[in-house]
């Protein structure tokens, strides 16, 4: 990575100052730390498509929040949906998380 950024730094003086190439190099230089972190940690995803797919149904049904009786009701709805989506992504901890979040879950099972 160090070689790449050394090369990019050397290229800054070649094209005209306002060219798209220079703008792209400046963008890469500004985000050097994040790019290095992304490439060093194999668990990191380069995009957020997983999150966007998860919230798409929520965005499509956001009119439902208009009918929440209060701001607190809407905040609780968002918290519940967030918890459900997290549990869907992390299925191994789903039931334990829901048990901790809702101690009264037993009456729902009956």
Protein backbone atom coordinates (compact mmCIF):
# COMPACT_ATOMS: atom_id res chain seq x y z
CA UNK A 1 0.00 0.00 0.00
CA UNK A 2 2.84 2.37 0.78
CA UNK A 3 4.19 1.93 -2.74
CA UNK A 4 0.79 2.71 -4.25
CA UNK A 5 0.42 5.94 -2.32
CA UNK A 6 4.02 6.94 -3.07
CA UNK A 7 3.28 6.42 -6.78
CA UNK A 8 -0.01 8.34 -6.52
CA UNK A 9 1.78 11.22 -4.82
CA UNK A 10 4.33 11.31 -7.65
CA UNK A 11 1.52 11.38 -10.23
CA UNK A 12 -0.16 14.46 -8.75
CA UNK A 13 2.13 16.86 -10.64
CA UNK A 14 1.77 15.30 -14.08
CA UNK A 15 -1.78 15.93 -15.37
CA UNK A 16 -3.40 19.39 -15.31
CA UNK A 17 -4.52 20.46 -11.82
CA UNK A 18 -8.26 20.21 -12.42
CA UNK A 19 -8.30 17.00 -14.46
CA UNK A 20 -10.50 14.07 -13.40
CA UNK A 21 -7.34 11.99 -12.89
CA UNK A 22 -5.95 14.43 -10.34
CA UNK A 23 -9.31 14.60 -8.58
CA UNK A 24 -9.37 10.79 -8.33
CA UNK A 25 -5.83 10.70 -6.96
CA UNK A 26 -6.69 13.37 -4.38
CA UNK A 27 -9.76 11.37 -3.37
CA UNK A 28 -7.62 8.25 -2.87
CA UNK A 29 -5.05 10.23 -0.87
CA UNK A 30 -7.76 11.73 1.36
CA UNK A 31 -9.11 8.24 2.12
CA UNK A 32 -5.78 6.48 2.54
CA UNK A 33 -6.37 5.43 6.14
CA UNK A 34 -9.80 3.96 5.40
CA UNK A 35 -8.55 2.14 2.30
CA UNK A 36 -5.67 0.60 4.23
CA UNK A 37 -8.06 -0.51 6.98
CA UNK A 38 -10.40 -2.06 4.40
CA UNK A 39 -7.58 -4.02 2.78
CA UNK A 40 -5.95 -5.06 6.07
CA UNK A 41 -9.14 -6.46 7.61
CA UNK A 42 -10.68 -9.19 5.48
CA UNK A 43 -13.96 -9.00 7.42
CA UNK A 44 -14.73 -5.51 6.16
CA UNK A 45 -17.08 -5.18 3.23
CA UNK A 46 -16.24 -2.72 0.48
CA UNK A 47 -19.87 -1.71 0.05
CA UNK A 48 -23.02 -1.50 2.13
CA UNK A 49 -25.33 -3.52 -0.11
CA UNK A 50 -26.23 -5.84 2.78
CA UNK A 51 -27.50 -2.93 4.84
CA UNK A 52 -29.31 -1.34 1.89
CA UNK A 53 -31.11 -4.61 1.12
CA UNK A 54 -32.06 -4.95 4.78
CA UNK A 55 -33.60 -1.47 5.04
CA UNK A 56 -35.34 -1.46 1.66
CA UNK A 57 -38.59 -2.97 3.01
CA UNK A 58 -38.53 -0.44 5.84
CA UNK A 59 -38.17 2.45 3.40
CA UNK A 60 -41.00 1.09 1.30
CA UNK A 61 -43.27 0.86 4.34
CA UNK A 62 -42.24 4.07 6.12
CA UNK A 63 -45.75 5.43 5.78
CA UNK A 64 -46.60 3.11 8.67
CA UNK A 65 -44.58 5.35 10.96
CA UNK A 66 -46.96 8.20 10.18
CA UNK A 67 -49.60 6.32 12.11
CA UNK A 68 -47.49 5.87 15.23
CA UNK A 69 -49.36 7.56 18.04
CA UNK A 70 -46.32 9.55 19.16
CA UNK A 71 -42.64 10.20 18.58
CA UNK A 72 -41.89 7.60 21.26
CA UNK A 73 -44.04 5.06 19.44
CA UNK A 74 -42.15 5.66 16.21
CA UNK A 75 -38.82 5.36 18.04
CA UNK A 76 -39.91 2.03 19.55
CA UNK A 77 -41.01 0.80 16.11
CA UNK A 78 -37.58 1.66 14.67
CA UNK A 79 -35.82 -0.07 17.60
CA UNK A 80 -37.89 -3.24 17.15
CA UNK A 81 -37.27 -3.34 13.39
CA UNK A 82 -33.54 -2.76 13.95
CA UNK A 83 -33.43 -5.59 16.50
CA UNK A 84 -35.31 -7.92 14.15
CA UNK A 85 -32.98 -7.16 11.22
CA UNK A 86 -29.90 -7.67 13.42
CA UNK A 87 -31.27 -11.00 14.60
CA UNK A 88 -31.97 -12.01 11.01
CA UNK A 89 -28.34 -11.32 10.09
CA UNK A 90 -26.97 -12.98 13.23
CA UNK A 91 -29.25 -16.00 13.57
CA UNK A 92 -27.12 -17.70 16.21
CA UNK A 93 -27.87 -15.02 18.79
CA UNK A 94 -31.44 -14.27 17.76
CA UNK A 95 -33.42 -16.14 20.40
CA UNK A 96 -31.08 -15.14 23.24
CA UNK A 97 -31.25 -11.49 22.21
CA UNK A 98 -35.01 -11.51 22.06
CA UNK A 99 -35.23 -13.19 25.47
CA UNK A 100 -33.04 -10.45 26.96
CA UNK A 101 -34.89 -7.68 25.17
CA UNK A 102 -38.37 -8.89 26.11
CA UNK A 103 -38.65 -10.73 29.44
CA UNK A 104 -42.40 -11.04 28.88
CA UNK A 105 -41.88 -13.16 25.75
CA UNK A 106 -43.31 -16.22 27.50
CA UNK A 107 -46.88 -14.99 27.28
CA UNK A 108 -46.47 -14.56 23.54
CA UNK A 109 -45.58 -18.24 23.15
CA UNK A 110 -48.81 -19.35 24.86
